[in-house]
Amino acid sequence: AIEELKNASTALTMMLMFIGGGSLSTASGIKVVTFIVLILATYSYLRRDKGVTVLRREIDNDSVYKALALTVISAGVTWLAIFTLLVVE
């Protein structure tokens, strides 16, 4: 059961729930494709590339910015909800 999970397993489960499911699924979260775009953008930045490319195709900057904005907003709302619950309890 959930209460028997170790702290590391609980943290991994929470991370996977934040990422969510595929783009056509009903799972909540930022979605897998958004997470992959962020990983690719980070990799491209570390390599000092001009753009984000995957399989010889370039991801436009608007999509990268949208993925980043969605992730920041989702993280902010999540932490605000957690903080509110901690204050109310």
PDB file of N, CA and C in Angstrom:
ATOM      1  N   ALA A   1       0.837  -1.181   0.000  1.00  0.00           N
ATOM      2  CA  ALA A   1       0.000   0.000   0.000  1.00  0.00           C
ATOM      3  C   ALA A   1       0.883   1.247   0.000  1.00  0.00           C
ATOM      4  N   ILE A   2       0.284   2.370  -0.241  1.00  0.00           N
ATOM      5  CA  ILE A   2       1.004   3.637  -0.363  1.00  0.00           C
ATOM      6  C   ILE A   2       1.762   3.990   0.914  1.00  0.00           C
ATOM      7  N   GLU A   3       1.178   3.753   2.063  1.00  0.00           N
ATOM      8  CA  GLU A   3       1.831   4.139   3.316  1.00  0.00           C
ATOM      9  C   GLU A   3       3.106   3.343   3.595  1.00  0.00           C
ATOM     10  N   GLU A   4       3.303   2.236   2.906  1.00  0.00           N
ATOM     11  CA  GLU A   4       4.492   1.412   3.104  1.00  0.00           C
ATOM     12  C   GLU A   4       5.669   1.828   2.219  1.00  0.00           C
ATOM     13  N   LEU A   5       5.471   2.814   1.347  1.00  0.00           N
ATOM     14  CA  LEU A   5       6.539   3.259   0.463  1.00  0.00           C
ATOM     15  C   LEU A   5       7.619   4.000   1.244  1.00  0.00           C
ATOM     16  N   LYS A   6       8.850   3.861   0.807  1.00  0.00           N
ATOM     17  CA  LYS A   6       9.967   4.608   1.377  1.00  0.00           C
ATOM     18  C   LYS A   6       9.925   6.040   0.843  1.00  0.00           C
ATOM     19  N   ASN A   7      10.697   6.925   1.452  1.00  0.00           N
ATOM     20  CA  ASN A   7      10.696   8.334   1.037  1.00  0.00           C
ATOM     21  C   ASN A   7      11.125   8.502  -0.420  1.00  0.00           C
ATOM     22  N   ALA A   8      12.122   7.758  -0.856  1.00  0.00           N
ATOM     23  CA  ALA A   8      12.593   7.859  -2.238  1.00  0.00           C
ATOM     24  C   ALA A   8      11.508   7.405  -3.218  1.00  0.00           C
ATOM     25  N   SER A   9      10.796   6.348  -2.884  1.00  0.00           N
ATOM     26  CA  SER A   9       9.720   5.859  -3.751  1.00  0.00           C
ATOM     27  C   SER A   9       8.576   6.856  -3.809  1.00  0.00           C
ATOM     28  N   THR A  10       8.284   7.487  -2.683  1.00  0.00           N
ATOM     29  CA  THR A  10       7.224   8.492  -2.648  1.00  0.00           C
ATOM     30  C   THR A  10       7.610   9.704  -3.497  1.00  0.00           C
ATOM     31  N   ALA A  11       8.870  10.134  -3.402  1.00  0.00           N
ATOM     32  CA  ALA A  11       9.341  11.270  -4.194  1.00  0.00           C
ATOM     33  C   ALA A  11       9.288  10.950  -5.684  1.00  0.00           C
ATOM     34  N   LEU A  12       9.678   9.739  -6.072  1.00  0.00           N
ATOM     35  CA  LEU A  12       9.620   9.330  -7.475  1.00  0.00           C
ATOM     36  C   LEU A  12       8.173   9.298  -7.969  1.00  0.00           C
ATOM     37  N   THR A  13       7.268   8.791  -7.159  1.00  0.00           N
ATOM     38  CA  THR A  13       5.857   8.751  -7.526  1.00  0.00           C
ATOM     39  C   THR A  13       5.298  10.160  -7.707  1.00  0.00           C
ATOM     40  N   MET A  14       5.661  11.073  -6.813  1.00  0.00           N
ATOM     41  CA  MET A  14       5.179  12.458  -6.939  1.00  0.00           C
ATOM     42  C   MET A  14       5.740  13.119  -8.196  1.00  0.00           C
ATOM     43  N   MET A  15       7.004  12.846  -8.546  1.00  0.00           N
ATOM     44  CA  MET A  15       7.585  13.400  -9.755  1.00  0.00           C
ATOM     45  C   MET A  15       6.859  12.873 -10.994  1.00  0.00           C
ATOM     46  N   LEU A  16       6.589  11.574 -11.013  1.00  0.00           N
ATOM     47  CA  LEU A  16       5.880  10.992 -12.152  1.00  0.00           C
ATOM     48  C   LEU A  16       4.451  11.518 -12.253  1.00  0.00           C
ATOM     49  N   MET A  17       3.814  11.778 -11.123  1.00  0.00           N
ATOM     50  CA  MET A  17       2.466  12.346 -11.154  1.00  0.00           C
ATOM     51  C   MET A  17       2.502  13.791 -11.643  1.00  0.00           C
ATOM     52  N   PHE A  18       3.567  14.538 -11.321  1.00  0.00           N
ATOM     53  CA  PHE A  18       3.699  15.910 -11.823  1.00  0.00           C
ATOM     54  C   PHE A  18       3.880  15.912 -13.335  1.00  0.00           C
ATOM     55  N   ILE A  19       4.671  14.967 -13.854  1.00  0.00           N
ATOM     56  CA  ILE A  19       4.873  14.883 -15.302  1.00  0.00           C
ATOM     57  C   ILE A  19       3.579  14.454 -15.986  1.00  0.00           C
ATOM     58  N   GLY A  20       2.879  13.493 -15.431  1.00  0.00           N
ATOM     59  CA  GLY A  20       1.592  13.090 -15.982  1.00  0.00           C
ATOM     60  C   GLY A  20       1.722  12.058 -17.078  1.00  0.00           C
ATOM     61  N   GLY A  21       0.703  12.018 -17.937  1.00  0.00           N
ATOM     62  CA  GLY A  21       0.631  11.004 -18.981  1.00  0.00           C
ATOM     63  C   GLY A  21       0.899  11.568 -20.356  1.00  0.00           C
ATOM     64  N   GLY A  22       0.514  10.802 -21.352  1.00  0.00           N
ATOM     65  CA  GLY A  22       0.688  11.210 -22.738  1.00  0.00           C
ATOM     66  C   GLY A  22      -0.275  12.300 -23.139  1.00  0.00           C
ATOM     67  N   SER A  23      -0.051  12.868 -24.311  1.00  0.00           N
ATOM     68  CA  SER A  23      -0.840  14.021 -24.740  1.00  0.00           C
ATOM     69  C   SER A  23      -2.304  13.686 -24.997  1.00  0.00           C
ATOM     70  N   LEU A  24      -2.615  12.454 -25.324  1.00  0.00           N
ATOM     71  CA  LEU A  24      -4.005  12.085 -25.581  1.00  0.00           C
ATOM     72  C   LEU A  24      -4.670  11.380 -24.398  1.00  0.00           C
ATOM     73  N   SER A  25      -3.964  11.284 -23.282  1.00  0.00           N
ATOM     74  CA  SER A  25      -4.531  10.600 -22.127  1.00  0.00           C
ATOM     75  C   SER A  25      -5.278  11.587 -21.244  1.00  0.00           C
ATOM     76  N   THR A  26      -6.027  11.051 -20.301  1.00  0.00           N
ATOM     77  CA  THR A  26      -6.755  11.897 -19.354  1.00  0.00           C
ATOM     78  C   THR A  26      -5.958  12.126 -18.075  1.00  0.00           C
ATOM     79  N   ALA A  27      -4.712  11.677 -18.058  1.00  0.00           N
ATOM     80  CA  ALA A  27      -3.867  11.895 -16.883  1.00  0.00           C
ATOM     81  C   ALA A  27      -3.546  13.383 -16.754  1.00  0.00           C
ATOM     82  N   SER A  28      -3.451  13.829 -15.521  1.00  0.00           N
ATOM     83  CA  SER A  28      -3.114  15.237 -15.322  1.00  0.00           C
ATOM     84  C   SER A  28      -1.604  15.402 -15.334  1.00  0.00           C
ATOM     85  N   GLY A  29      -1.132  16.599 -15.137  1.00  0.00           N
ATOM     86  CA  GLY A  29       0.286  16.876 -15.139  1.00  0.00           C
ATOM     87  C   GLY A  29       0.685  17.684 -16.352  1.00  0.00           C
ATOM     88  N   ILE A  30       1.975  17.916 -16.487  1.00  0.00           N
ATOM     89  CA  ILE A  30       2.458  18.755 -17.583  1.00  0.00           C
ATOM     90  C   ILE A  30       2.547  17.990 -18.894  1.00  0.00           C
ATOM     91  N   LYS A  31       2.407  16.708 -18.880  1.00  0.00           N
ATOM     92  CA  LYS A  31       2.459  15.783 -20.016  1.00  0.00           C
ATOM     93  C   LYS A  31       3.898  15.415 -20.368  1.00  0.00           C
ATOM     94  N   VAL A  32       4.042  14.244 -20.907  1.00  0.00           N
ATOM     95  CA  VAL A  32       5.345  13.667 -21.217  1.00  0.00           C
ATOM     96  C   VAL A  32       6.060  14.472 -22.302  1.00  0.00           C
ATOM     97  N   VAL A  33       5.338  14.914 -23.317  1.00  0.00           N
ATOM     98  CA  VAL A  33       5.968  15.643 -24.422  1.00  0.00           C
ATOM     99  C   VAL A  33       6.541  16.970 -23.923  1.00  0.00           C
ATOM    100  N   THR A  34       5.827  17.655 -23.036  1.00  0.00           N
ATOM    101  CA  THR A  34       6.332  18.904 -22.465  1.00  0.00           C
ATOM    102  C   THR A  34       7.621  18.651 -21.699  1.00  0.00           C
ATOM    103  N   PHE A  35       7.648  17.584 -20.927  1.00  0.00           N
ATOM    104  CA  PHE A  35       8.849  17.228 -20.171  1.00  0.00           C
ATOM    105  C   PHE A  35      10.016  16.917 -21.115  1.00  0.00           C
ATOM    106  N   ILE A  36       9.753  16.201 -22.188  1.00  0.00           N
ATOM    107  CA  ILE A  36      10.804  15.863 -23.156  1.00  0.00           C
ATOM    108  C   ILE A  36      11.328  17.117 -23.847  1.00  0.00           C
ATOM    109  N   VAL A  37      10.437  18.052 -24.192  1.00  0.00           N
ATOM    110  CA  VAL A  37      10.868  19.305 -24.810  1.00  0.00           C
ATOM    111  C   VAL A  37      11.781  20.074 -23.860  1.00  0.00           C
ATOM    112  N   LEU A  38      11.450  20.080 -22.570  1.00  0.00           N
ATOM    113  CA  LEU A  38      12.306  20.757 -21.591  1.00  0.00           C
ATOM    114  C   LEU A  38      13.668  20.077 -21.472  1.00  0.00           C
ATOM    115  N   ILE A  39      13.686  18.765 -21.487  1.00  0.00           N
ATOM    116  CA  ILE A  39      14.955  18.032 -21.424  1.00  0.00           C
ATOM    117  C   ILE A  39      15.796  18.328 -22.670  1.00  0.00           C
ATOM    118  N   LEU A  40      15.170  18.313 -23.846  1.00  0.00           N
ATOM    119  CA  LEU A  40      15.895  18.602 -25.082  1.00  0.00           C
ATOM    120  C   LEU A  40      16.400  20.038 -25.116  1.00  0.00           C
ATOM    121  N   ALA A  41      15.604  20.977 -24.610  1.00  0.00           N
ATOM    122  CA  ALA A  41      16.034  22.376 -24.574  1.00  0.00           C
ATOM    123  C   ALA A  41      17.224  22.549 -23.629  1.00  0.00           C
ATOM    124  N   THR A  42      17.197  21.861 -22.508  1.00  0.00           N
ATOM    125  CA  THR A  42      18.321  21.917 -21.571  1.00  0.00           C
ATOM    126  C   THR A  42      19.570  21.331 -22.212  1.00  0.00           C
ATOM    127  N   TYR A  43      19.425  20.216 -22.890  1.00  0.00           N
ATOM    128  CA  TYR A  43      20.549  19.574 -23.571  1.00  0.00           C
ATOM    129  C   TYR A  43      21.122  20.490 -24.658  1.00  0.00           C
ATOM    130  N   SER A  44      20.241  21.131 -25.427  1.00  0.00           N
ATOM    131  CA  SER A  44      20.692  22.040 -26.481  1.00  0.00           C
ATOM    132  C   SER A  44      21.409  23.249 -25.888  1.00  0.00           C
ATOM    133  N   TYR A  45      20.898  23.742 -24.756  1.00  0.00           N
ATOM    134  CA  TYR A  45      21.543  24.878 -24.109  1.00  0.00           C
ATOM    135  C   TYR A  45      22.946  24.503 -23.620  1.00  0.00           C
ATOM    136  N   LEU A  46      23.070  23.341 -23.032  1.00  0.00           N
ATOM    137  CA  LEU A  46      24.373  22.915 -22.534  1.00  0.00           C
ATOM    138  C   LEU A  46      25.375  22.692 -23.662  1.00  0.00           C
ATOM    139  N   ARG A  47      24.880  22.305 -24.822  1.00  0.00           N
ATOM    140  CA  ARG A  47      25.756  22.116 -25.987  1.00  0.00           C
ATOM    141  C   ARG A  47      25.984  23.407 -26.754  1.00  0.00           C
ATOM    142  N   ARG A  48      25.339  24.489 -26.327  1.00  0.00           N
ATOM    143  CA  ARG A  48      25.433  25.810 -26.966  1.00  0.00           C
ATOM    144  C   ARG A  48      24.905  25.798 -28.394  1.00  0.00           C
ATOM    145  N   ASP A  49      23.884  24.980 -28.654  1.00  0.00           N
ATOM    146  CA  ASP A  49      23.259  24.943 -29.975  1.00  0.00           C
ATOM    147  C   ASP A  49      22.373  26.169 -30.155  1.00  0.00           C
ATOM    148  N   LYS A  50      22.144  26.541 -31.404  1.00  0.00           N
ATOM    149  CA  LYS A  50      21.288  27.696 -31.707  1.00  0.00           C
ATOM    150  C   LYS A  50      19.808  27.380 -31.495  1.00  0.00           C
ATOM    151  N   GLY A  51      19.398  26.140 -31.754  1.00  0.00           N
ATOM    152  CA  GLY A  51      18.003  25.757 -31.614  1.00  0.00           C
ATOM    153  C   GLY A  51      17.898  24.363 -31.015  1.00  0.00           C
ATOM    154  N   VAL A  52      16.654  23.967 -30.778  1.00  0.00           N
ATOM    155  CA  VAL A  52      16.386  22.645 -30.206  1.00  0.00           C
ATOM    156  C   VAL A  52      16.024  21.713 -31.358  1.00  0.00           C
ATOM    157  N   THR A  53      16.800  20.650 -31.532  1.00  0.00           N
ATOM    158  CA  THR A  53      16.538  19.703 -32.612  1.00  0.00           C
ATOM    159  C   THR A  53      16.386  18.305 -32.050  1.00  0.00           C
ATOM    160  N   VAL A  54      15.518  17.545 -32.695  1.00  0.00           N
ATOM    161  CA  VAL A  54      15.323  16.142 -32.369  1.00  0.00           C
ATOM    162  C   VAL A  54      15.015  15.412 -33.671  1.00  0.00           C
ATOM    163  N   LEU A  55      15.732  14.338 -33.921  1.00  0.00           N
ATOM    164  CA  LEU A  55      15.578  13.544 -35.139  1.00  0.00           C
ATOM    165  C   LEU A  55      15.669  14.414 -36.395  1.00  0.00           C
ATOM    166  N   ARG A  56      16.650  15.317 -36.409  1.00  0.00           N
ATOM    167  CA  ARG A  56      16.912  16.232 -37.530  1.00  0.00           C
ATOM    168  C   ARG A  56      15.777  17.215 -37.799  1.00  0.00           C
ATOM    169  N   ARG A  57      14.910  17.410 -36.842  1.00  0.00           N
ATOM    170  CA  ARG A  57      13.846  18.411 -36.959  1.00  0.00           C
ATOM    171  C   ARG A  57      14.006  19.412 -35.827  1.00  0.00           C
ATOM    172  N   GLU A  58      13.694  20.661 -36.134  1.00  0.00           N
ATOM    173  CA  GLU A  58      13.865  21.704 -35.133  1.00  0.00           C
ATOM    174  C   GLU A  58      12.534  22.021 -34.460  1.00  0.00           C
ATOM    175  N   ILE A  59      12.584  22.158 -33.147  1.00  0.00           N
ATOM    176  CA  ILE A  59      11.412  22.581 -32.376  1.00  0.00           C
ATOM    177  C   ILE A  59      11.470  24.093 -32.291  1.00  0.00           C
ATOM    178  N   ASP A  60      10.389  24.768 -32.714  1.00  0.00           N
ATOM    179  CA  ASP A  60      10.412  26.225 -32.713  1.00  0.00           C
ATOM    180  C   ASP A  60      10.453  26.778 -31.286  1.00  0.00           C
ATOM    181  N   ASN A  61      10.985  27.986 -31.180  1.00  0.00           N
ATOM    182  CA  ASN A  61      11.174  28.598 -29.869  1.00  0.00           C
ATOM    183  C   ASN A  61       9.855  28.829 -29.134  1.00  0.00           C
ATOM    184  N   ASP A  62       8.776  29.088 -29.864  1.00  0.00           N
ATOM    185  CA  ASP A  62       7.472  29.286 -29.209  1.00  0.00           C
ATOM    186  C   ASP A  62       7.045  28.039 -28.441  1.00  0.00           C
ATOM    187  N   SER A  63       7.289  26.871 -29.007  1.00  0.00           N
ATOM    188  CA  SER A  63       6.932  25.624 -28.321  1.00  0.00           C
ATOM    189  C   SER A  63       7.788  25.416 -27.075  1.00  0.00           C
ATOM    190  N   VAL A  64       9.062  25.773 -27.172  1.00  0.00           N
ATOM    191  CA  VAL A  64       9.947  25.643 -26.010  1.00  0.00           C
ATOM    192  C   VAL A  64       9.504  26.609 -24.917  1.00  0.00           C
ATOM    193  N   TYR A  65       9.192  27.858 -25.287  1.00  0.00           N
ATOM    194  CA  TYR A  65       8.741  28.842 -24.304  1.00  0.00           C
ATOM    195  C   TYR A  65       7.415  28.430 -23.678  1.00  0.00           C
ATOM    196  N   LYS A  66       6.539  27.876 -24.496  1.00  0.00           N
ATOM    197  CA  LYS A  66       5.246  27.426 -23.981  1.00  0.00           C
ATOM    198  C   LYS A  66       5.429  26.283 -22.973  1.00  0.00           C
ATOM    199  N   ALA A  67       6.319  25.348 -23.279  1.00  0.00           N
ATOM    200  CA  ALA A  67       6.594  24.241 -22.362  1.00  0.00           C
ATOM    201  C   ALA A  67       7.183  24.750 -21.051  1.00  0.00           C
ATOM    202  N   LEU A  68       8.106  25.705 -21.146  1.00  0.00           N
ATOM    203  CA  LEU A  68       8.712  26.271 -19.946  1.00  0.00           C
ATOM    204  C   LEU A  68       7.678  27.026 -19.113  1.00  0.00           C
ATOM    205  N   ALA A  69       6.852  27.840 -19.759  1.00  0.00           N
ATOM    206  CA  ALA A  69       5.834  28.600 -19.041  1.00  0.00           C
ATOM    207  C   ALA A  69       4.830  27.669 -18.372  1.00  0.00           C
ATOM    208  N   LEU A  70       4.400  26.639 -19.062  1.00  0.00           N
ATOM    209  CA  LEU A  70       3.446  25.685 -18.497  1.00  0.00           C
ATOM    210  C   LEU A  70       4.030  24.987 -17.273  1.00  0.00           C
ATOM    211  N   THR A  71       5.298  24.622 -17.346  1.00  0.00           N
ATOM    212  CA  THR A  71       5.940  23.938 -16.227  1.00  0.00           C
ATOM    213  C   THR A  71       6.091  24.864 -15.023  1.00  0.00           C
ATOM    214  N   VAL A  72       6.499  26.102 -15.257  1.00  0.00           N
ATOM    215  CA  VAL A  72       6.660  27.052 -14.155  1.00  0.00           C
ATOM    216  C   VAL A  72       5.321  27.357 -13.501  1.00  0.00           C
ATOM    217  N   ILE A  73       4.282  27.572 -14.301  1.00  0.00           N
ATOM    218  CA  ILE A  73       2.952  27.844 -13.751  1.00  0.00           C
ATOM    219  C   ILE A  73       2.430  26.638 -12.982  1.00  0.00           C
ATOM    220  N   SER A  74       2.609  25.444 -13.529  1.00  0.00           N
ATOM    221  CA  SER A  74       2.142  24.232 -12.844  1.00  0.00           C
ATOM    222  C   SER A  74       2.866  24.025 -11.518  1.00  0.00           C
ATOM    223  N   ALA A  75       4.173  24.240 -11.519  1.00  0.00           N
ATOM    224  CA  ALA A  75       4.942  24.098 -10.275  1.00  0.00           C
ATOM    225  C   ALA A  75       4.511  25.144  -9.254  1.00  0.00           C
ATOM    226  N   GLY A  76       4.261  26.362  -9.711  1.00  0.00           N
ATOM    227  CA  GLY A  76       3.816  27.420  -8.811  1.00  0.00           C
ATOM    228  C   GLY A  76       2.462  27.125  -8.190  1.00  0.00           C
ATOM    229  N   VAL A  77       1.521  26.674  -9.005  1.00  0.00           N
ATOM    230  CA  VAL A  77       0.187  26.332  -8.492  1.00  0.00           C
ATOM    231  C   VAL A  77       0.269  25.148  -7.530  1.00  0.00           C
ATOM    232  N   THR A  78       1.101  24.176  -7.853  1.00  0.00           N
ATOM    233  CA  THR A  78       1.256  23.018  -6.970  1.00  0.00           C
ATOM    234  C   THR A  78       1.814  23.431  -5.619  1.00  0.00           C
ATOM    235  N   TRP A  79       2.871  24.233  -5.615  1.00  0.00           N
ATOM    236  CA  TRP A  79       3.465  24.658  -4.343  1.00  0.00           C
ATOM    237  C   TRP A  79       2.544  25.587  -3.571  1.00  0.00           C
ATOM    238  N   LEU A  80       1.761  26.417  -4.277  1.00  0.00           N
ATOM    239  CA  LEU A  80       0.788  27.262  -3.588  1.00  0.00           C
ATOM    240  C   LEU A  80      -0.286  26.418  -2.921  1.00  0.00           C
ATOM    241  N   ALA A  81      -0.736  25.381  -3.596  1.00  0.00           N
ATOM    242  CA  ALA A  81      -1.740  24.477  -3.013  1.00  0.00           C
ATOM    243  C   ALA A  81      -1.182  23.742  -1.802  1.00  0.00           C
ATOM    244  N   ILE A  82       0.052  23.273  -1.906  1.00  0.00           N
ATOM    245  CA  ILE A  82       0.685  22.591  -0.773  1.00  0.00           C
ATOM    246  C   ILE A  82       0.829  23.545   0.415  1.00  0.00           C
ATOM    247  N   PHE A  83       1.283  24.762   0.139  1.00  0.00           N
ATOM    248  CA  PHE A  83       1.443  25.757   1.202  1.00  0.00           C
ATOM    249  C   PHE A  83       0.101  26.074   1.862  1.00  0.00           C
ATOM    250  N   THR A  84      -0.941  26.223   1.053  1.00  0.00           N
ATOM    251  CA  THR A  84      -2.265  26.497   1.606  1.00  0.00           C
ATOM    252  C   THR A  84      -2.756  25.361   2.480  1.00  0.00           C
ATOM    253  N   LEU A  85      -2.549  24.139   2.036  1.00  0.00           N
ATOM    254  CA  LEU A  85      -2.944  22.986   2.846  1.00  0.00           C
ATOM    255  C   LEU A  85      -2.169  22.929   4.156  1.00  0.00           C
ATOM    256  N   LEU A  86      -0.885  23.254   4.116  1.00  0.00           N
ATOM    257  CA  LEU A  86      -0.085  23.241   5.342  1.00  0.00           C
ATOM    258  C   LEU A  86      -0.537  24.334   6.312  1.00  0.00           C
ATOM    259  N   VAL A  87      -0.944  25.478   5.807  1.00  0.00           N
ATOM    260  CA  VAL A  87      -1.409  26.569   6.668  1.00  0.00           C
ATOM    261  C   VAL A  87      -2.762  26.208   7.285  1.00  0.00           C
ATOM    262  N   VAL A  88      -3.636  25.625   6.499  1.00  0.00           N
ATOM    263  CA  VAL A  88      -4.997  25.315   6.964  1.00  0.00           C
ATOM    264  C   VAL A  88      -4.995  24.169   7.975  1.00  0.00           C
ATOM    265  N   GLU A  89      -4.126  23.191   7.784  1.00  0.00           N
ATOM    266  CA  GLU A  89      -4.108  22.024   8.665  1.00  0.00           C
ATOM    267  C   GLU A  89      -3.671  22.370  10.052  1.00  0.00           C
TER     268      GLU A  89
END
